[in-house]
Every structure is written in C-alpha cells, then in structure tokens.
Amino acid sequence: MKLNTPPRRAKRSFASAAPLLLLASASVASAAQTLSIGDMHSSYNRNIWWMSVAVIVMAILIFIGVSYALFYTVNKFREDKHTAEPDQFHGNNRLEQLLIGVPVIIVTIITILAARTMAIVNPTPPDALHVNVTGAQFWWAFEYPDTPVTGGTVNVTNGNELVIPAGRQVAVTVTAKDVIHAFWAPNLGGQRDAIPGSKKTFQIDTDQPGVYQGNCTVLCGASHANMRFKVVALPKAQYDAFIAGAQAYKAPTPANSSEQNGYNIFMQGKASAAAAPCASCHRIQGTPAAGAVGPDLSYFGSRNTLGAGIWEGKAREAHIQPWIKNCPSVKPGCLMPAYEKLSDTDLADLEAYLLSLKLPDSAAYWGKVPVR
C-alpha cells in the first residue's frame, strides 16, 4: 500500500525477521512511513507481541514434534523393512490419552494468555484522554469531550487529524454516521469497527512523539481507499498548548478584500453562481458557521492534509481550488456539492479565507514532530 507522502527512507520492522509473523503483522512500508503492529512504542502492540511470541513458540514446538513423529514412524515402519502383514490391535490407550491431553493443555495455555492480554489492554485507565471518533463517507471527525470551547457549548473538534499526547493512554470511542467503517492506526494499537448506532471504546497510545498514519479498514464505498487520517503524537507540553489554543480559538477577521469575499461566500453562498453556503455543512469556531454534516474547518490553515489525507503539504495547497470546484471529480463518492459556476477569483478568495484560519504558533502541531 503506497501512501502519497514525501520520500523518506522507510524503517525496518523487527517483524520482518520472523516469516511466520509477517502474515500477522500487516507491516506495510512506504516511502515515508512504516505501518506496523510491530511498533513497540505502543503498550497495546507490546502486549499483543509478547502473547504472539508465546503462541508462535508453541506452534514451532508442535511442528517439530509432529514432524519428528511422522518421519520416525514412516522410516521405522516402511514397507521394505516389514513385508509381513501388520499386527491387528484394538488401540493404544496411553497414546490416545496423550493425543487428547496435550492439545487440551496447549489450548488452555493459549486461552489463559489471551484472557490475560485482554484483561490488560481492554480496560480504560482512569487517567486516559477521551476522544470521540466518528467515521463518515469518507472522512473522520475527532472530538475531545473533556475540553469545551471557551465560552461555548461545543467541544474542541478537528477533522481527519487527531492530535494526542505521547506517553498517555487515549480512550477512543468509535462510531459511524452512515455505513460501517473501521478505525486503525497500526503503530498505536488495534482496530475497531465504526458502526452506526454503536459506540466502542478502546485504547491507543505511543511513547514516541511523531506523525502516524491511519486508515479505514472496512470497504465502505467508492473512496474507501481515500479515507485516511493522521495521528500527531506531541510531547505533553506541546499537546497542552494545542488544547489551550484550540479551546480559546476564534476565527480571525478577514484581513483584506479577498478574504472578506471568501468569508461572505462561505457564510452566505453566492446565488448568481448557484453556490450554497459552506456554513450549512461546516463549522468554523468563533463564527456563525455551525454545520455538522462535513468536517470542522476551524483551523483549516493549520492542517497539512486535504481530502481525508489524500494530499499532504504542497500537494494539498495545489488541490484546494479543484476540491472546492468539483470534489466528486477528484474523490469518487464525495458528497460535497460541486461549485463549478464560481469564478476563478471567487475560488481563489475562498481558498485565501480558508488558509487564514490558523491556530496561534504556540498551538500549531505540524512540523513539531517527525513523520514515523
């Protein structure tokens, strides 16, 4: 699976040293990132790894034992050594007891290991950070229920970019708006289905600050492969600064005529171009825009991705106007209406306004940690 990100030497996962584990690890290296459940900076991955080691060791011992018994029996009782008719007997009680007892012991050990691991990774720690995750065709909403916006009735929310503190458990409660999706950032923990009407909570974490890749892992429609997200794990001080800045954030007043025109189109639409108000679907903190149909755009200018992670960095900026003009043409299945009748000037003004929506430098989270 190739990710559309800048070139960088991929890291090697220790999982590559174990051929049997390769099928289970789902370690996928790209030019910029390594997606691997073998990332030992996550406590979830560490617990699953050590359980897997025990099971793999037992599997190897069973393979050796069965192979030895097979070759020993074939060699000892092969036809050129024994031409006489084989003895007929009712059975070997001791052998039958052994063949039943050993598998029972093995299954019991595996059950105990699995139950122990589940008891470690499933309970939510009392000091965990809580994040609500909602999947929709084809994007992700991340809400921080314990961090209300200053002077408001809503919580800090971000679209397609999840910011978490490194070194702390994050309790992720997952659901969906429309069809079944699945949330998975392999380097940070396990995956869970996002099901409409159902909420499932599990933990992710990492003790290494960095930017990590996440994906929807259940086929959910035409742009399933384009339903990505980023997880930015920050040191505690930087994470606290992000939360403080996000809570106090208010969209800046347009600084020039271009941004003002973009603001007007966003809030009111443009009847002459049959353009509906963007504010009917999107929210911008500190403005009348309070839509909940599409991603929150409060600090759009501080983000590094567009289209739920399809484009990053400079490629993102190059695609903002084509995205606004005709989203379904660049992302199949996108539900955002086309704004093809807007003039090039209007599109440029909308882009200028969106890019002006930035967090203060102290709260910005991109560029402060490396891509992992």
Protein backbone atom coordinates (compact mmCIF):
# COMPACT_ATOMS: atom_id res chain seq x y z
CA MET A 1 0.00 0.00 0.00
CA LYS A 2 1.64 3.24 -1.13
CA LEU A 3 0.94 6.46 0.73
CA ASN A 4 1.01 9.76 -1.11
CA THR A 5 3.68 11.35 1.08
CA PRO A 6 7.16 12.87 0.55
CA PRO A 7 10.10 10.46 0.09
CA ARG A 8 11.92 9.29 3.15
CA ARG A 9 13.85 6.16 3.99
CA ALA A 10 11.46 3.59 5.40
CA LYS A 11 12.27 1.94 8.72
CA ARG A 12 12.63 -1.79 9.10
CA SER A 13 10.29 -3.59 11.41
CA PHE A 14 11.61 -6.43 13.53
CA ALA A 15 8.59 -8.38 12.27
CA SER A 16 10.49 -8.95 9.02
CA ALA A 17 12.80 -11.28 10.92
CA ALA A 18 10.01 -13.74 11.61
CA PRO A 19 8.46 -15.21 8.44
CA LEU A 20 5.55 -16.65 10.39
CA LEU A 21 4.77 -13.24 11.86
CA LEU A 22 4.82 -11.45 8.51
CA LEU A 23 1.33 -12.68 7.67
CA ALA A 24 0.01 -11.46 11.01
CA SER A 25 1.91 -8.20 11.41
CA ALA A 26 0.38 -6.28 8.49
CA SER A 27 3.63 -4.30 8.35
CA VAL A 28 3.41 -2.08 5.27
CA ALA A 29 6.37 0.17 4.47
CA SER A 30 6.00 3.25 2.32
CA ALA A 31 8.48 5.81 1.13
CA ALA A 32 7.70 7.97 4.14
CA GLN A 33 6.21 5.84 6.89
CA THR A 34 6.15 2.35 8.28
CA LEU A 35 2.76 0.98 9.23
CA SER A 36 3.36 -1.90 11.62
CA ILE A 37 1.76 -3.57 14.60
CA GLY A 38 5.35 -4.40 15.48
CA ASP A 39 5.87 -0.83 16.73
CA MET A 40 6.95 -1.41 20.33
CA HIS A 41 6.37 2.20 21.37
CA SER A 42 2.71 1.28 21.86
CA SER A 43 1.80 -0.66 25.02
CA TYR A 44 -1.05 -2.35 23.13
CA ASN A 45 1.35 -3.63 20.48
CA ARG A 46 3.85 -4.76 23.12
CA ASN A 47 1.25 -6.86 24.96
CA ILE A 48 -0.02 -8.41 21.72
CA TRP A 49 3.57 -9.10 20.64
CA TRP A 50 4.56 -11.00 23.77
CA MET A 51 1.38 -13.06 23.65
CA SER A 52 2.12 -13.80 19.99
CA VAL A 53 5.69 -14.85 20.81
CA ALA A 54 4.43 -17.47 23.28
CA VAL A 55 1.90 -18.81 20.78
CA ILE A 56 4.45 -18.90 17.95
CA VAL A 57 6.98 -20.75 20.15
CA MET A 58 4.35 -23.36 20.99
CA ALA A 59 3.42 -23.66 17.32
CA ILE A 60 7.07 -24.25 16.40
CA LEU A 61 7.45 -26.90 19.09
CA ILE A 62 4.28 -28.63 17.89
CA PHE A 63 5.52 -28.52 14.31
CA ILE A 64 8.87 -30.06 15.31
CA GLY A 65 7.21 -32.72 17.45
CA VAL A 66 4.65 -33.75 14.84
CA SER A 67 7.25 -33.72 12.07
CA TYR A 68 9.60 -35.90 14.13
CA ALA A 69 6.82 -38.39 14.93
CA LEU A 70 5.78 -38.52 11.28
CA PHE A 71 9.26 -39.14 9.87
CA TYR A 72 10.16 -41.56 12.65
CA THR A 73 7.01 -43.62 12.01
CA VAL A 74 7.41 -43.59 8.22
CA ASN A 75 11.03 -44.64 8.49
CA LYS A 76 10.53 -47.35 11.11
CA PHE A 77 7.53 -48.98 9.53
CA ARG A 78 8.23 -48.52 5.86
CA GLU A 79 7.35 -51.41 3.55
CA ASP A 80 10.88 -52.58 2.61
CA LYS A 81 11.56 -53.32 6.30
CA HIS A 82 8.33 -55.12 7.06
CA THR A 83 6.88 -57.49 4.47
CA ALA A 84 4.66 -59.36 6.90
CA GLU A 85 1.02 -58.46 7.46
CA PRO A 86 0.84 -55.78 10.22
CA ASP A 87 -0.46 -56.83 13.63
CA GLN A 88 -4.10 -56.01 14.30
CA PHE A 89 -4.88 -54.39 17.63
CA HIS A 90 -7.77 -52.55 19.26
CA GLY A 91 -5.89 -49.39 20.20
CA ASN A 92 -3.29 -47.81 22.43
CA ASN A 93 -4.98 -46.20 25.42
CA ARG A 94 -1.86 -44.38 26.55
CA LEU A 95 -1.27 -42.91 23.11
CA GLU A 96 -4.91 -41.84 22.80
CA GLN A 97 -4.79 -40.16 26.21
CA LEU A 98 -1.61 -38.34 25.18
CA LEU A 99 -3.14 -37.18 21.90
CA ILE A 100 -6.12 -35.75 23.77
CA GLY A 101 -4.30 -34.40 26.82
CA VAL A 102 -1.54 -32.45 25.05
CA PRO A 103 -3.90 -30.42 22.79
CA VAL A 104 -6.12 -29.66 25.81
CA ILE A 105 -3.09 -28.33 27.70
CA ILE A 106 -1.97 -26.26 24.71
CA VAL A 107 -5.44 -24.74 24.17
CA THR A 108 -5.70 -23.99 27.90
CA ILE A 109 -2.36 -22.16 27.91
CA ILE A 110 -3.34 -20.11 24.84
CA THR A 111 -6.71 -19.28 26.42
CA ILE A 112 -5.03 -18.09 29.60
CA LEU A 113 -2.55 -15.95 27.64
CA ALA A 114 -5.33 -14.42 25.53
CA ALA A 115 -7.53 -13.72 28.57
CA ARG A 116 -4.58 -12.15 30.42
CA THR A 117 -3.73 -9.92 27.46
CA MET A 118 -7.37 -8.85 27.04
CA ALA A 119 -7.54 -8.01 30.75
CA ILE A 120 -4.51 -5.73 30.29
CA VAL A 121 -5.38 -3.92 27.04
CA ASN A 122 -9.18 -3.63 27.24
CA PRO A 123 -9.95 -1.73 30.47
CA THR A 124 -9.85 2.06 30.15
CA PRO A 125 -7.36 3.63 32.62
CA PRO A 126 -8.93 6.31 34.85
CA ASP A 127 -6.43 8.93 33.65
CA ALA A 128 -6.92 8.21 29.93
CA LEU A 129 -7.60 11.02 27.49
CA HIS A 130 -11.04 10.57 25.91
CA VAL A 131 -11.61 11.21 22.21
CA ASN A 132 -14.83 10.60 20.27
CA VAL A 133 -14.24 9.37 16.72
CA THR A 134 -16.95 9.39 14.06
CA GLY A 135 -16.45 7.88 10.64
CA ALA A 136 -18.44 9.12 7.63
CA GLN A 137 -18.19 8.72 3.88
CA PHE A 138 -15.30 9.46 3.52
CA TRP A 139 -13.70 11.37 6.40
CA TRP A 140 -13.15 11.32 10.17
CA ALA A 141 -14.31 13.65 12.96
CA PHE A 142 -12.32 13.82 16.20
CA GLU A 143 -13.97 15.41 19.24
CA TYR A 144 -12.40 15.99 22.66
CA PRO A 145 -15.36 15.66 25.07
CA ASP A 146 -13.44 16.84 28.13
CA THR A 147 -12.23 20.08 26.51
CA PRO A 148 -15.13 22.50 25.87
CA VAL A 149 -14.52 25.58 23.78
CA THR A 150 -14.07 28.70 25.89
CA GLY A 151 -17.38 30.48 26.25
CA GLY A 152 -19.17 27.98 24.04
CA THR A 153 -21.38 24.92 24.29
CA VAL A 154 -19.35 22.65 21.99
CA ASN A 155 -16.08 20.78 22.42
CA VAL A 156 -12.76 21.05 20.65
CA THR A 157 -13.12 19.22 17.32
CA ASN A 158 -10.82 18.50 14.40
CA GLY A 159 -11.28 16.77 11.08
CA ASN A 160 -9.05 13.97 9.76
CA GLU A 161 -6.11 14.94 12.01
CA LEU A 162 -6.06 13.50 15.54
CA VAL A 163 -3.72 15.20 18.00
CA ILE A 164 -2.80 13.18 21.11
CA PRO A 165 -0.21 13.40 23.90
CA ALA A 166 2.69 10.95 23.74
CA GLY A 167 3.13 8.75 26.79
CA ARG A 168 -0.55 8.73 27.76
CA GLN A 169 -3.35 6.26 27.08
CA VAL A 170 -6.02 7.61 24.73
CA ALA A 171 -9.51 6.11 25.10
CA VAL A 172 -11.04 6.25 21.63
CA THR A 173 -14.82 5.87 21.37
CA VAL A 174 -15.69 4.95 17.80
CA THR A 175 -18.97 5.18 15.90
CA ALA A 176 -20.19 6.00 12.37
CA LYS A 177 -22.73 8.24 10.68
CA ASP A 178 -23.74 6.18 7.68
CA VAL A 179 -22.18 2.77 6.92
CA ILE A 180 -19.70 0.55 8.73
CA HIS A 181 -16.15 1.90 8.75
CA ALA A 182 -13.11 0.79 10.77
CA PHE A 183 -10.56 2.89 12.64
CA TRP A 184 -6.94 1.69 12.65
CA ALA A 185 -3.59 3.35 13.23
CA PRO A 186 -1.39 0.20 13.29
CA ASN A 187 1.56 1.77 15.11
CA LEU A 188 -0.64 2.88 18.01
CA GLY A 189 -2.89 -0.10 18.70
CA GLY A 190 -5.63 -2.37 17.43
CA GLN A 191 -8.52 -1.63 15.13
CA ARG A 192 -12.24 -1.33 15.82
CA ASP A 193 -15.27 -1.23 13.55
CA ALA A 194 -17.16 2.07 13.47
CA ILE A 195 -20.83 1.04 13.38
CA PRO A 196 -23.81 3.41 13.12
CA GLY A 197 -25.77 3.44 16.38
CA SER A 198 -22.99 1.65 18.28
CA LYS A 199 -20.13 3.06 20.35
CA LYS A 200 -16.99 1.06 21.09
CA THR A 201 -14.17 2.27 23.32
CA PHE A 202 -10.59 1.03 23.20
CA GLN A 203 -7.13 2.42 23.86
CA ILE A 204 -4.32 3.63 21.62
CA ASP A 205 -1.00 5.09 22.74
CA THR A 206 2.64 5.69 21.91
CA ASP A 207 5.57 6.89 23.96
CA GLN A 208 7.35 8.25 20.87
CA PRO A 209 6.23 11.66 19.56
CA GLY A 210 5.62 11.62 15.83
CA VAL A 211 3.13 11.65 12.96
CA TYR A 212 1.45 8.31 12.32
CA GLN A 213 -0.77 7.06 9.52
CA GLY A 214 -4.30 5.73 10.00
CA ASN A 215 -6.83 4.22 7.61
CA CYS A 216 -10.36 2.92 7.32
CA THR A 217 -10.01 -0.86 7.02
CA VAL A 218 -13.56 -1.87 6.05
CA LEU A 219 -14.78 -1.42 2.48
CA CYS A 220 -17.23 1.45 2.85
CA GLY A 221 -17.77 2.83 -0.63
CA ALA A 222 -16.12 4.34 -3.67
CA SER A 223 -13.44 6.26 -1.74
CA HIS A 224 -12.71 3.70 0.95
CA ALA A 225 -9.02 3.77 -0.04
CA ASN A 226 -9.05 7.56 0.32
CA MET A 227 -10.49 7.57 3.84
CA ARG A 228 -7.27 8.18 5.73
CA PHE A 229 -6.28 10.18 8.78
CA LYS A 230 -3.16 11.32 10.61
CA VAL A 231 -2.34 10.95 14.27
CA VAL A 232 0.05 13.58 15.62
CA ALA A 233 1.54 12.49 18.97
CA LEU A 234 3.04 15.50 20.75
CA PRO A 235 5.09 15.83 23.93
CA LYS A 236 2.84 16.77 26.85
CA ALA A 237 3.75 20.47 26.91
CA GLN A 238 3.07 20.87 23.19
CA TYR A 239 -0.18 18.91 23.43
CA ASP A 240 -1.35 21.11 26.32
CA ALA A 241 -0.52 24.18 24.23
CA PHE A 242 -2.57 22.80 21.33
CA ILE A 243 -5.60 22.14 23.54
CA ALA A 244 -5.37 25.58 25.17
CA GLY A 245 -5.10 27.26 21.78
CA ALA A 246 -7.95 25.19 20.32
CA GLN A 247 -10.24 25.95 23.26
CA ALA A 248 -9.61 29.69 23.01
CA TYR A 249 -9.55 29.80 19.21
CA LYS A 250 -11.71 32.29 17.33
CA ALA A 251 -11.52 32.62 13.58
CA PRO A 252 -9.64 35.81 12.65
CA THR A 253 -11.41 38.71 11.00
CA PRO A 254 -10.73 38.75 7.23
CA ALA A 255 -7.59 40.78 6.69
CA ASN A 256 -8.26 42.02 3.14
CA SER A 257 -10.93 42.19 0.44
CA SER A 258 -10.04 38.76 -0.93
CA GLU A 259 -10.51 37.07 2.43
CA GLN A 260 -13.67 39.10 3.03
CA ASN A 261 -15.19 37.89 -0.23
CA GLY A 262 -14.21 34.33 0.66
CA TYR A 263 -15.84 34.76 4.06
CA ASN A 264 -19.05 36.07 2.51
CA ILE A 265 -19.27 33.15 0.07
CA PHE A 266 -18.56 30.67 2.85
CA MET A 267 -21.27 32.09 5.11
CA GLN A 268 -23.92 33.14 2.59
CA GLY A 269 -23.13 31.31 -0.64
CA LYS A 270 -23.49 33.02 -3.99
CA ALA A 271 -26.88 32.85 -5.64
CA SER A 272 -25.62 34.04 -9.04
CA ALA A 273 -23.30 31.02 -9.17
CA ALA A 274 -25.84 28.60 -7.65
CA ALA A 275 -23.41 28.13 -4.75
CA ALA A 276 -24.92 27.11 -1.42
CA PRO A 277 -23.37 28.43 1.82
CA CYS A 278 -20.45 26.31 3.00
CA ALA A 279 -21.55 27.14 6.56
CA SER A 280 -24.61 24.92 6.19
CA CYS A 281 -22.33 21.85 6.32
CA HIS A 282 -19.13 23.05 8.01
CA ARG A 283 -18.27 24.60 11.36
CA ILE A 284 -15.75 27.36 11.97
CA GLN A 285 -15.17 28.22 15.61
CA GLY A 286 -15.90 31.82 16.51
CA THR A 287 -18.20 32.41 13.51
CA PRO A 288 -21.89 31.73 12.79
CA ALA A 289 -20.87 28.63 10.80
CA ALA A 290 -22.03 25.66 12.85
CA GLY A 291 -22.66 22.90 10.29
CA ALA A 292 -22.06 19.31 11.33
CA VAL A 293 -22.50 17.49 8.02
CA GLY A 294 -18.90 17.91 6.87
CA PRO A 295 -15.52 18.21 8.61
CA ASP A 296 -14.85 21.01 11.11
CA LEU A 297 -12.78 23.66 9.32
CA SER A 298 -11.94 25.83 12.33
CA TYR A 299 -8.16 25.69 11.84
CA PHE A 300 -8.04 24.57 8.23
CA GLY A 301 -4.99 26.72 7.58
CA SER A 302 -3.02 24.87 10.27
CA ARG A 303 -3.62 21.46 8.74
CA ASN A 304 -1.27 19.59 6.47
CA THR A 305 -3.77 17.34 4.69
CA LEU A 306 -6.76 17.66 2.38
CA GLY A 307 -9.44 15.18 1.34
CA ALA A 308 -9.02 12.97 4.43
CA GLY A 309 -5.31 12.55 3.80
CA ILE A 310 -5.24 12.18 0.01
CA TRP A 311 -2.94 15.19 -0.40
CA GLU A 312 -0.32 16.47 2.00
CA GLY A 313 1.91 19.52 2.23
CA LYS A 314 2.35 21.42 -1.02
CA ALA A 315 0.15 18.96 -2.90
CA ARG A 316 -2.65 19.90 -0.52
CA GLU A 317 -2.46 23.59 -1.41
CA ALA A 318 -2.39 22.78 -5.12
CA HIS A 319 -5.67 20.86 -4.82
CA ILE A 320 -7.76 23.22 -2.66
CA GLN A 321 -9.41 25.05 -5.56
CA PRO A 322 -10.07 21.89 -7.66
CA TRP A 323 -11.52 20.35 -4.50
CA ILE A 324 -13.92 23.24 -3.94
CA LYS A 325 -14.85 23.43 -7.61
CA ASN A 326 -15.73 19.77 -8.08
CA CYS A 327 -14.97 17.49 -5.15
CA PRO A 328 -16.55 14.32 -6.67
CA SER A 329 -14.26 14.59 -9.70
CA VAL A 330 -11.12 14.29 -7.56
CA LYS A 331 -12.52 11.99 -4.87
CA PRO A 332 -15.11 9.43 -6.06
CA GLY A 333 -18.18 9.25 -3.86
CA CYS A 334 -17.51 12.58 -2.15
CA LEU A 335 -20.85 14.04 -1.01
CA MET A 336 -19.77 17.68 -1.12
CA PRO A 337 -21.63 19.52 -3.91
CA ALA A 338 -19.73 20.94 -6.87
CA TYR A 339 -19.18 24.71 -7.11
CA GLU A 340 -18.34 24.75 -10.81
CA LYS A 341 -20.06 28.08 -11.53
CA LEU A 342 -17.86 30.02 -9.11
CA SER A 343 -15.35 32.22 -10.92
CA ASP A 344 -11.62 31.69 -10.58
CA THR A 345 -11.50 34.84 -8.45
CA ASP A 346 -14.17 33.52 -6.09
CA LEU A 347 -12.38 30.20 -5.79
CA ALA A 348 -9.10 31.98 -5.01
CA ASP A 349 -10.87 34.15 -2.41
CA LEU A 350 -12.43 31.10 -0.73
CA GLU A 351 -9.02 29.47 -0.62
CA ALA A 352 -7.46 32.62 0.85
CA TYR A 353 -10.09 32.74 3.60
CA LEU A 354 -9.72 29.06 4.47
CA LEU A 355 -5.93 29.32 4.64
CA SER A 356 -6.26 32.29 7.01
CA LEU A 357 -7.90 30.03 9.61
CA LYS A 358 -4.84 29.18 11.69
CA LEU A 359 -4.08 28.34 15.27
CA PRO A 360 -1.53 30.54 17.05
CA ASP A 361 2.05 29.38 16.57
CA SER A 362 2.18 28.02 20.13
CA ALA A 363 -0.77 25.72 19.39
CA ALA A 364 0.23 24.63 15.87
CA TYR A 365 1.04 20.94 15.77
CA TRP A 366 2.51 20.27 12.33
CA GLY A 367 6.27 20.27 11.91
CA LYS A 368 6.98 19.85 15.62
CA VAL A 369 7.48 16.08 15.50
CA PRO A 370 8.93 13.80 12.79
CA VAL A 371 6.95 11.55 10.49
CA ARG A 372 7.24 7.95 11.71
